[in-house]
Amino acid sequence: MTLGEFQALIRGMYLDKDAARGVEGTFMWLVEEVGELATALREHAAGDRGPEAREALALEFADVLAWLATIANVAEVDLESAVRRKYGSGCPGCGRMACTCPDAEKP
């Protein structure tokens, strides 16, 4: 599944609810999911790497991506096109495919 196909899937499932909630309300759900991902990552870093923990971690990543796609849908942003424009030719900072920007900078 491409990023565009995923965004369309999320749009088809949730757009009416998401549009009613608006960008602000939907953003709050994204932030909550990022917090859940942080918890799963902390558990993973602490050594809980069994199959159940790995699956929980993977599902949290999926949730964060879904809520990001949801906000993009409400804001009428094509994520696949935006990602291609910003990162398709390499790092936006240094222009290389393997980033050589200093670690202290955010490319």
N, C-alpha and C. Protein backbone atom coordinates (compact mmCIF):
# COMPACT_ATOMS: atom_id res chain seq x y z
N MET A 1 0.84 -1.17 0.00
CA MET A 1 0.00 0.00 0.00
C MET A 1 0.89 1.24 0.00
N THR A 2 0.61 2.17 -0.90
CA THR A 2 1.38 3.41 -0.93
C THR A 2 0.84 4.37 0.14
N LEU A 3 1.58 5.43 0.38
CA LEU A 3 1.12 6.43 1.33
C LEU A 3 -0.19 7.06 0.85
N GLY A 4 -0.28 7.32 -0.45
CA GLY A 4 -1.49 7.88 -1.02
C GLY A 4 -2.68 6.93 -0.87
N GLU A 5 -2.45 5.65 -1.09
CA GLU A 5 -3.53 4.67 -0.91
C GLU A 5 -3.96 4.59 0.55
N PHE A 6 -3.00 4.67 1.46
CA PHE A 6 -3.33 4.65 2.88
C PHE A 6 -4.15 5.88 3.26
N GLN A 7 -3.74 7.05 2.78
CA GLN A 7 -4.49 8.26 3.09
C GLN A 7 -5.91 8.17 2.53
N ALA A 8 -6.06 7.62 1.34
CA ALA A 8 -7.40 7.45 0.75
C ALA A 8 -8.22 6.45 1.58
N LEU A 9 -7.61 5.40 2.06
CA LEU A 9 -8.29 4.42 2.90
C LEU A 9 -8.82 5.09 4.17
N ILE A 10 -7.97 5.86 4.82
CA ILE A 10 -8.37 6.58 6.04
C ILE A 10 -9.47 7.59 5.71
N ARG A 11 -9.34 8.28 4.59
CA ARG A 11 -10.36 9.24 4.18
C ARG A 11 -11.71 8.55 4.01
N GLY A 12 -11.70 7.42 3.34
CA GLY A 12 -12.94 6.69 3.11
C GLY A 12 -13.58 6.20 4.40
N MET A 13 -12.78 5.80 5.36
CA MET A 13 -13.31 5.28 6.62
C MET A 13 -13.80 6.37 7.55
N TYR A 14 -13.09 7.49 7.59
CA TYR A 14 -13.29 8.42 8.70
C TYR A 14 -13.56 9.88 8.35
N LEU A 15 -13.57 10.28 7.08
CA LEU A 15 -13.59 11.70 6.76
C LEU A 15 -14.76 12.45 7.38
N ASP A 16 -15.96 11.90 7.36
CA ASP A 16 -17.11 12.63 7.91
C ASP A 16 -16.90 12.93 9.39
N LYS A 17 -16.48 11.93 10.16
CA LYS A 17 -16.21 12.15 11.58
C LYS A 17 -15.06 13.14 11.79
N ASP A 18 -14.02 12.97 11.00
CA ASP A 18 -12.84 13.82 11.14
C ASP A 18 -13.14 15.27 10.80
N ALA A 19 -13.88 15.48 9.73
CA ALA A 19 -14.22 16.84 9.32
C ALA A 19 -15.08 17.51 10.39
N ALA A 20 -16.00 16.77 11.00
CA ALA A 20 -16.85 17.32 12.05
C ALA A 20 -16.01 17.70 13.28
N ARG A 21 -14.98 16.91 13.57
CA ARG A 21 -14.11 17.16 14.72
C ARG A 21 -13.19 18.34 14.44
N GLY A 22 -12.79 18.50 13.19
CA GLY A 22 -11.91 19.59 12.80
C GLY A 22 -10.44 19.26 13.03
N VAL A 23 -9.60 20.13 12.53
CA VAL A 23 -8.15 19.93 12.65
C VAL A 23 -7.73 19.95 14.11
N GLU A 24 -8.25 20.91 14.88
CA GLU A 24 -7.81 21.05 16.27
C GLU A 24 -8.14 19.81 17.09
N GLY A 25 -9.38 19.34 17.00
CA GLY A 25 -9.79 18.15 17.75
C GLY A 25 -9.04 16.91 17.29
N THR A 26 -8.82 16.81 16.00
CA THR A 26 -8.10 15.66 15.46
C THR A 26 -6.63 15.70 15.88
N PHE A 27 -6.07 16.89 15.95
CA PHE A 27 -4.68 17.03 16.39
C PHE A 27 -4.52 16.52 17.82
N MET A 28 -5.49 16.77 18.65
CA MET A 28 -5.43 16.28 20.04
C MET A 28 -5.36 14.76 20.08
N TRP A 29 -6.11 14.10 19.20
CA TRP A 29 -6.05 12.63 19.13
C TRP A 29 -4.66 12.18 18.67
N LEU A 30 -4.07 12.91 17.71
CA LEU A 30 -2.72 12.57 17.25
C LEU A 30 -1.74 12.67 18.41
N VAL A 31 -1.82 13.73 19.18
CA VAL A 31 -0.91 13.92 20.31
C VAL A 31 -1.06 12.78 21.32
N GLU A 32 -2.30 12.37 21.57
CA GLU A 32 -2.52 11.24 22.48
C GLU A 32 -1.86 9.97 21.95
N GLU A 33 -2.00 9.74 20.66
CA GLU A 33 -1.38 8.55 20.06
C GLU A 33 0.15 8.63 20.10
N VAL A 34 0.70 9.82 19.92
CA VAL A 34 2.16 9.98 20.03
C VAL A 34 2.61 9.63 21.44
N GLY A 35 1.82 10.02 22.44
CA GLY A 35 2.13 9.65 23.82
C GLY A 35 2.11 8.15 24.02
N GLU A 36 1.13 7.47 23.43
CA GLU A 36 1.07 6.01 23.53
C GLU A 36 2.26 5.37 22.83
N LEU A 37 2.68 5.95 21.70
CA LEU A 37 3.88 5.46 21.01
C LEU A 37 5.11 5.65 21.89
N ALA A 38 5.20 6.79 22.56
CA ALA A 38 6.34 7.05 23.45
C ALA A 38 6.41 6.00 24.55
N THR A 39 5.26 5.66 25.11
CA THR A 39 5.23 4.63 26.16
C THR A 39 5.70 3.28 25.61
N ALA A 40 5.22 2.92 24.43
CA ALA A 40 5.62 1.64 23.82
C ALA A 40 7.11 1.64 23.50
N LEU A 41 7.63 2.77 23.04
CA LEU A 41 9.08 2.85 22.75
C LEU A 41 9.90 2.75 24.03
N ARG A 42 9.43 3.36 25.09
CA ARG A 42 10.14 3.28 26.37
C ARG A 42 10.19 1.83 26.86
N GLU A 43 9.07 1.12 26.74
CA GLU A 43 9.04 -0.29 27.14
C GLU A 43 9.97 -1.12 26.28
N HIS A 44 9.99 -0.81 24.98
CA HIS A 44 10.89 -1.52 24.06
C HIS A 44 12.35 -1.27 24.45
N ALA A 45 12.67 -0.01 24.74
CA ALA A 45 14.05 0.34 25.13
C ALA A 45 14.45 -0.30 26.45
N ALA A 46 13.46 -0.53 27.31
CA ALA A 46 13.75 -1.14 28.61
C ALA A 46 13.95 -2.65 28.51
N GLY A 47 13.81 -3.18 27.31
CA GLY A 47 14.09 -4.58 27.10
C GLY A 47 12.90 -5.47 26.87
N ASP A 48 11.69 -4.93 26.90
CA ASP A 48 10.50 -5.74 26.64
C ASP A 48 10.34 -5.87 25.13
N ARG A 49 10.95 -6.92 24.56
CA ARG A 49 10.97 -7.09 23.11
C ARG A 49 10.34 -8.40 22.68
N GLY A 50 9.48 -8.94 23.52
CA GLY A 50 8.77 -10.15 23.14
C GLY A 50 7.79 -9.87 22.02
N PRO A 51 7.19 -10.92 21.46
CA PRO A 51 6.28 -10.75 20.32
C PRO A 51 5.10 -9.84 20.61
N GLU A 52 4.55 -9.91 21.80
CA GLU A 52 3.41 -9.05 22.14
C GLU A 52 3.83 -7.59 22.22
N ALA A 53 4.99 -7.33 22.81
CA ALA A 53 5.48 -5.96 22.92
C ALA A 53 5.83 -5.39 21.55
N ARG A 54 6.42 -6.20 20.69
CA ARG A 54 6.76 -5.74 19.33
C ARG A 54 5.49 -5.43 18.54
N GLU A 55 4.47 -6.25 18.70
CA GLU A 55 3.20 -6.01 18.00
C GLU A 55 2.53 -4.75 18.53
N ALA A 56 2.57 -4.54 19.83
CA ALA A 56 1.99 -3.32 20.42
C ALA A 56 2.73 -2.09 19.89
N LEU A 57 4.04 -2.17 19.79
CA LEU A 57 4.84 -1.06 19.26
C LEU A 57 4.45 -0.78 17.80
N ALA A 58 4.37 -1.82 17.01
CA ALA A 58 4.02 -1.66 15.59
C ALA A 58 2.64 -1.02 15.44
N LEU A 59 1.68 -1.45 16.26
CA LEU A 59 0.33 -0.90 16.17
C LEU A 59 0.29 0.57 16.59
N GLU A 60 1.13 0.96 17.52
CA GLU A 60 1.18 2.38 17.91
C GLU A 60 1.74 3.23 16.77
N PHE A 61 2.76 2.71 16.07
CA PHE A 61 3.25 3.42 14.89
C PHE A 61 2.13 3.57 13.86
N ALA A 62 1.36 2.52 13.65
CA ALA A 62 0.25 2.57 12.69
C ALA A 62 -0.79 3.60 13.12
N ASP A 63 -1.09 3.67 14.41
CA ASP A 63 -2.06 4.65 14.90
C ASP A 63 -1.59 6.07 14.65
N VAL A 64 -0.32 6.34 14.93
CA VAL A 64 0.21 7.69 14.71
C VAL A 64 0.12 8.05 13.23
N LEU A 65 0.48 7.14 12.36
CA LEU A 65 0.40 7.41 10.93
C LEU A 65 -1.05 7.65 10.50
N ALA A 66 -1.98 6.87 11.04
CA ALA A 66 -3.39 7.03 10.69
C ALA A 66 -3.91 8.40 11.12
N TRP A 67 -3.57 8.83 12.32
CA TRP A 67 -4.04 10.14 12.78
C TRP A 67 -3.37 11.26 12.00
N LEU A 68 -2.13 11.10 11.58
CA LEU A 68 -1.48 12.09 10.73
C LEU A 68 -2.19 12.18 9.38
N ALA A 69 -2.52 11.04 8.81
CA ALA A 69 -3.27 11.02 7.55
C ALA A 69 -4.64 11.66 7.72
N THR A 70 -5.25 11.43 8.88
CA THR A 70 -6.55 12.02 9.17
C THR A 70 -6.47 13.55 9.15
N ILE A 71 -5.48 14.11 9.84
CA ILE A 71 -5.33 15.57 9.85
C ILE A 71 -5.06 16.08 8.44
N ALA A 72 -4.22 15.39 7.70
CA ALA A 72 -3.94 15.81 6.32
C ALA A 72 -5.22 15.80 5.49
N ASN A 73 -6.07 14.81 5.69
CA ASN A 73 -7.33 14.77 4.96
C ASN A 73 -8.20 15.97 5.30
N VAL A 74 -8.34 16.27 6.57
CA VAL A 74 -9.17 17.40 6.99
C VAL A 74 -8.60 18.71 6.46
N ALA A 75 -7.28 18.82 6.45
CA ALA A 75 -6.61 20.03 5.96
C ALA A 75 -6.45 20.04 4.44
N GLU A 76 -6.89 18.98 3.79
CA GLU A 76 -6.81 18.84 2.33
C GLU A 76 -5.38 18.89 1.81
N VAL A 77 -4.52 18.12 2.48
CA VAL A 77 -3.11 18.00 2.09
C VAL A 77 -2.88 16.58 1.59
N ASP A 78 -2.29 16.45 0.41
CA ASP A 78 -1.91 15.17 -0.16
C ASP A 78 -0.54 14.80 0.41
N LEU A 79 -0.53 13.88 1.38
CA LEU A 79 0.72 13.53 2.05
C LEU A 79 1.77 12.97 1.09
N GLU A 80 1.36 12.08 0.22
CA GLU A 80 2.33 11.46 -0.68
C GLU A 80 3.02 12.51 -1.54
N SER A 81 2.25 13.44 -2.06
CA SER A 81 2.81 14.51 -2.89
C SER A 81 3.72 15.41 -2.06
N ALA A 82 3.30 15.75 -0.85
CA ALA A 82 4.11 16.62 0.01
C ALA A 82 5.43 15.95 0.37
N VAL A 83 5.38 14.66 0.71
CA VAL A 83 6.60 13.93 1.07
C VAL A 83 7.53 13.85 -0.14
N ARG A 84 6.97 13.59 -1.30
CA ARG A 84 7.79 13.50 -2.51
C ARG A 84 8.47 14.84 -2.79
N ARG A 85 7.72 15.94 -2.67
CA ARG A 85 8.29 17.27 -2.93
C ARG A 85 9.40 17.60 -1.93
N LYS A 86 9.18 17.28 -0.67
CA LYS A 86 10.15 17.69 0.36
C LYS A 86 11.35 16.75 0.45
N TYR A 87 11.13 15.44 0.32
CA TYR A 87 12.20 14.47 0.57
C TYR A 87 12.59 13.62 -0.64
N GLY A 88 11.88 13.74 -1.74
CA GLY A 88 12.10 12.88 -2.90
C GLY A 88 13.45 13.04 -3.57
N SER A 89 14.07 14.20 -3.40
CA SER A 89 15.37 14.44 -4.02
C SER A 89 16.51 14.42 -3.01
N GLY A 90 16.21 14.01 -1.78
CA GLY A 90 17.25 13.95 -0.76
C GLY A 90 16.90 14.82 0.43
N CYS A 91 17.84 14.93 1.32
CA CYS A 91 17.68 15.72 2.54
C CYS A 91 17.39 17.17 2.19
N PRO A 92 16.33 17.76 2.78
CA PRO A 92 16.05 19.16 2.48
C PRO A 92 17.14 20.11 2.97
N GLY A 93 17.98 19.67 3.91
CA GLY A 93 19.05 20.53 4.42
C GLY A 93 20.29 20.52 3.53
N CYS A 94 20.82 19.32 3.27
CA CYS A 94 22.08 19.21 2.53
C CYS A 94 21.89 18.75 1.08
N GLY A 95 20.69 18.24 0.77
CA GLY A 95 20.41 17.81 -0.59
C GLY A 95 20.92 16.42 -0.94
N ARG A 96 21.52 15.73 0.01
CA ARG A 96 22.06 14.39 -0.27
C ARG A 96 21.07 13.30 0.11
N MET A 97 21.18 12.15 -0.53
CA MET A 97 20.30 11.03 -0.19
C MET A 97 20.66 10.45 1.18
N ALA A 98 21.92 10.47 1.54
CA ALA A 98 22.37 10.11 2.89
C ALA A 98 22.78 11.41 3.55
N CYS A 99 21.97 11.90 4.47
CA CYS A 99 22.15 13.21 5.10
C CYS A 99 23.54 13.38 5.70
N THR A 100 24.13 14.54 5.41
CA THR A 100 25.42 14.91 6.00
C THR A 100 25.32 16.17 6.84
N CYS A 101 24.09 16.59 7.17
CA CYS A 101 23.89 17.78 8.02
C CYS A 101 24.49 17.51 9.40
N PRO A 102 25.01 18.55 10.05
CA PRO A 102 25.50 18.37 11.42
C PRO A 102 24.38 17.87 12.32
N ASP A 103 24.72 17.02 13.27
CA ASP A 103 23.71 16.43 14.17
C ASP A 103 22.94 17.47 14.95
N ALA A 104 23.54 18.62 15.21
CA ALA A 104 22.87 19.66 15.99
C ALA A 104 21.78 20.38 15.19
N GLU A 105 21.77 20.18 13.88
CA GLU A 105 20.77 20.83 13.03
C GLU A 105 19.64 19.86 12.71
N LYS A 106 18.47 20.41 12.49
CA LYS A 106 17.31 19.59 12.11
C LYS A 106 17.09 19.76 10.62
N PRO A 107 17.42 18.75 9.81
CA PRO A 107 17.19 18.89 8.38
C PRO A 107 15.71 18.80 8.04
